[in-house]
Amino acid sequence: MKNSIKVERARNSITQAKLAEMTQVSRQTINAIELGKYVPSALLALRLANIFNVAVEEIFQLEEGEM
């Protein structure tokens, strides 16, 4: 699963640590999501979308073969 969290963080001037605090997860979790090593729960994906004020689909995209 691809994601644009790093881009959204840069656009909103939010560090991994701050985003982790805002979403109630560890900074390591945010890092793992950005690197594509961890797929977030639906709840976390919705929290992230809410923070960035975008639809979940604008942050997370399925890659070919995942559909």
C-alpha atoms as a PDB file:
ATOM      1  CA  MET A   1       0.000   0.000   0.000  1.00  0.00           C
ATOM      2  CA  LYS A   2       1.400   3.376  -1.017  1.00  0.00           C
ATOM      3  CA  ASN A   3       0.837   6.473   1.056  1.00  0.00           C
ATOM      4  CA  SER A   4       1.526  10.187   0.965  1.00  0.00           C
ATOM      5  CA  ILE A   5       1.897  10.800   4.694  1.00  0.00           C
ATOM      6  CA  LYS A   6       5.402  12.229   4.321  1.00  0.00           C
ATOM      7  CA  VAL A   7       4.145  14.676   1.693  1.00  0.00           C
ATOM      8  CA  GLU A   8       1.175  15.671   3.846  1.00  0.00           C
ATOM      9  CA  ARG A   9       3.433  16.136   6.869  1.00  0.00           C
ATOM     10  CA  ALA A  10       5.730  18.413   4.858  1.00  0.00           C
ATOM     11  CA  ARG A  11       2.784  20.341   3.439  1.00  0.00           C
ATOM     12  CA  ASN A  12       1.483  20.914   6.979  1.00  0.00           C
ATOM     13  CA  SER A  13       4.884  21.344   8.697  1.00  0.00           C
ATOM     14  CA  ILE A  14       4.269  18.446  11.080  1.00  0.00           C
ATOM     15  CA  THR A  15       7.079  16.239  12.380  1.00  0.00           C
ATOM     16  CA  GLN A  16       6.759  12.494  12.779  1.00  0.00           C
ATOM     17  CA  ALA A  17       6.849  12.993  16.546  1.00  0.00           C
ATOM     18  CA  LYS A  18       4.041  15.571  16.472  1.00  0.00           C
ATOM     19  CA  LEU A  19       1.909  13.422  14.164  1.00  0.00           C
ATOM     20  CA  ALA A  20       2.473  10.437  16.433  1.00  0.00           C
ATOM     21  CA  GLU A  21       1.296  12.483  19.401  1.00  0.00           C
ATOM     22  CA  MET A  22      -1.757  13.693  17.489  1.00  0.00           C
ATOM     23  CA  THR A  23      -2.735  10.155  16.453  1.00  0.00           C
ATOM     24  CA  GLN A  24      -1.834   8.505  19.768  1.00  0.00           C
ATOM     25  CA  VAL A  25       0.765   6.144  18.294  1.00  0.00           C
ATOM     26  CA  SER A  26       4.557   6.011  18.487  1.00  0.00           C
ATOM     27  CA  ARG A  27       6.872   7.922  16.167  1.00  0.00           C
ATOM     28  CA  GLN A  28       8.180   4.531  15.053  1.00  0.00           C
ATOM     29  CA  THR A  29       4.668   3.588  13.909  1.00  0.00           C
ATOM     30  CA  ILE A  30       4.432   6.743  11.788  1.00  0.00           C
ATOM     31  CA  ASN A  31       7.870   5.994  10.338  1.00  0.00           C
ATOM     32  CA  ALA A  32       6.897   2.389   9.548  1.00  0.00           C
ATOM     33  CA  ILE A  33       3.694   3.541   7.817  1.00  0.00           C
ATOM     34  CA  GLU A  34       5.618   6.087   5.726  1.00  0.00           C
ATOM     35  CA  LEU A  35       8.112   3.392   4.684  1.00  0.00           C
ATOM     36  CA  GLY A  36       5.293   1.017   3.726  1.00  0.00           C
ATOM     37  CA  LYS A  37       6.317  -1.507   6.380  1.00  0.00           C
ATOM     38  CA  TYR A  38       3.092  -1.197   8.378  1.00  0.00           C
ATOM     39  CA  VAL A  39      -0.517  -0.934   7.232  1.00  0.00           C
ATOM     40  CA  PRO A  40      -2.519   1.195   9.673  1.00  0.00           C
ATOM     41  CA  SER A  41      -5.849   0.206  11.133  1.00  0.00           C
ATOM     42  CA  ALA A  42      -8.977   1.813   9.707  1.00  0.00           C
ATOM     43  CA  LEU A  43      -9.192   3.968  12.832  1.00  0.00           C
ATOM     44  CA  LEU A  44      -5.638   5.262  12.439  1.00  0.00           C
ATOM     45  CA  ALA A  45      -6.141   5.878   8.709  1.00  0.00           C
ATOM     46  CA  LEU A  46      -9.258   7.908   9.490  1.00  0.00           C
ATOM     47  CA  ARG A  47      -7.418   9.883  12.182  1.00  0.00           C
ATOM     48  CA  LEU A  48      -4.643  10.712   9.715  1.00  0.00           C
ATOM     49  CA  ALA A  49      -7.128  11.804   7.051  1.00  0.00           C
ATOM     50  CA  ASN A  50      -8.913  13.966   9.594  1.00  0.00           C
ATOM     51  CA  ILE A  51      -5.680  15.644  10.716  1.00  0.00           C
ATOM     52  CA  PHE A  52      -4.727  16.453   7.123  1.00  0.00           C
ATOM     53  CA  ASN A  53      -8.327  17.331   6.206  1.00  0.00           C
ATOM     54  CA  VAL A  54      -8.361  15.002   3.204  1.00  0.00           C
ATOM     55  CA  ALA A  55     -10.133  11.773   2.237  1.00  0.00           C
ATOM     56  CA  VAL A  56      -8.460   8.509   3.252  1.00  0.00           C
ATOM     57  CA  GLU A  57      -8.101   7.674  -0.456  1.00  0.00           C
ATOM     58  CA  GLU A  58      -5.952  10.780  -0.926  1.00  0.00           C
ATOM     59  CA  ILE A  59      -3.416   9.446   1.583  1.00  0.00           C
ATOM     60  CA  PHE A  60      -3.526   5.679   0.975  1.00  0.00           C
ATOM     61  CA  GLN A  61      -3.566   3.969  -2.414  1.00  0.00           C
ATOM     62  CA  LEU A  62      -3.585   0.262  -3.203  1.00  0.00           C
ATOM     63  CA  GLU A  63      -0.734  -0.901  -5.376  1.00  0.00           C
ATOM     64  CA  GLU A  64      -1.158  -3.220  -8.325  1.00  0.00           C
ATOM     65  CA  GLY A  65      -1.739  -6.745  -7.109  1.00  0.00           C
ATOM     66  CA  GLU A  66      -3.387  -5.601  -3.887  1.00  0.00           C
ATOM     67  CA  MET A  67      -6.799  -5.088  -5.455  1.00  0.00           C
END
